[in-house]
Amino acid sequence: MEEGPHIDDTDDDVQEAPHQLEDGVQSTIDDLKELNLGTLEDPRPTFISALLTP
């Protein structure tokens, strides 16, 4: 059996995540607009930036 190429696990470019991303949540700076991507009977709300142009 042949082994594949050795991959070095150490990466000097790896940095810790910013504090606001540690819990998987990022702060929203702009206002959000709610859109229903479903129907009135089966709503599927989603939120987009209010700063987006049509």
Protein backbone atom coordinates (compact mmCIF):
# COMPACT_ATOMS: atom_id res chain seq x y z
CA MET A 1 0.00 0.00 0.00
CA GLU A 2 1.20 3.47 -0.84
CA GLU A 3 0.62 6.40 1.42
CA GLY A 4 -0.68 9.67 0.00
CA PRO A 5 1.29 12.89 0.23
CA HIS A 6 2.02 14.09 3.74
CA ILE A 7 -0.15 17.03 4.72
CA ASP A 8 1.29 19.39 7.29
CA ASP A 9 -1.41 20.30 9.82
CA THR A 10 0.38 23.41 11.01
CA ASP A 11 -0.60 26.54 9.12
CA ASP A 12 1.08 29.79 10.08
CA ASP A 13 -1.76 31.82 8.48
CA VAL A 14 -4.46 30.42 10.79
CA GLN A 15 -5.85 33.04 13.16
CA GLU A 16 -8.51 32.91 15.83
CA ALA A 17 -12.01 33.97 14.76
CA PRO A 18 -13.09 37.48 15.76
CA HIS A 19 -15.00 37.56 19.05
CA GLN A 20 -18.32 38.40 17.33
CA LEU A 21 -18.09 35.17 15.29
CA GLU A 22 -17.21 32.81 18.14
CA ASP A 23 -20.84 31.91 18.87
CA GLY A 24 -21.73 31.72 15.17
CA VAL A 25 -23.59 35.04 15.33
CA GLN A 26 -22.56 38.15 13.48
CA SER A 27 -23.97 41.55 14.29
CA THR A 28 -26.22 43.15 11.70
CA ILE A 29 -25.40 46.76 11.05
CA ASP A 30 -28.14 47.65 8.55
CA ASP A 31 -31.89 47.27 8.94
CA LEU A 32 -33.57 44.12 7.69
CA LYS A 33 -36.68 43.75 5.58
CA GLU A 34 -38.91 40.69 5.93
CA LEU A 35 -40.03 38.94 2.73
CA ASN A 36 -42.37 35.97 2.43
CA LEU A 37 -40.94 33.47 -0.05
CA GLY A 38 -43.87 31.13 0.51
CA THR A 39 -47.63 31.60 0.26
CA LEU A 40 -50.20 33.02 2.64
CA GLU A 41 -51.13 29.46 3.63
CA ASP A 42 -47.52 28.28 3.95
CA PRO A 43 -45.39 31.32 4.83
CA ARG A 44 -41.62 31.11 4.49
CA PRO A 45 -40.29 34.37 5.87
CA THR A 46 -36.74 35.45 5.10
CA PHE A 47 -34.88 38.63 5.93
CA ILE A 48 -32.73 40.69 3.60
CA SER A 49 -30.85 43.93 3.94
CA ALA A 50 -33.10 46.98 3.61
CA LEU A 51 -30.21 48.63 1.74
CA LEU A 52 -30.48 46.29 -1.27
CA THR A 53 -31.74 47.87 -4.47
CA PRO A 54 -34.56 46.19 -6.41
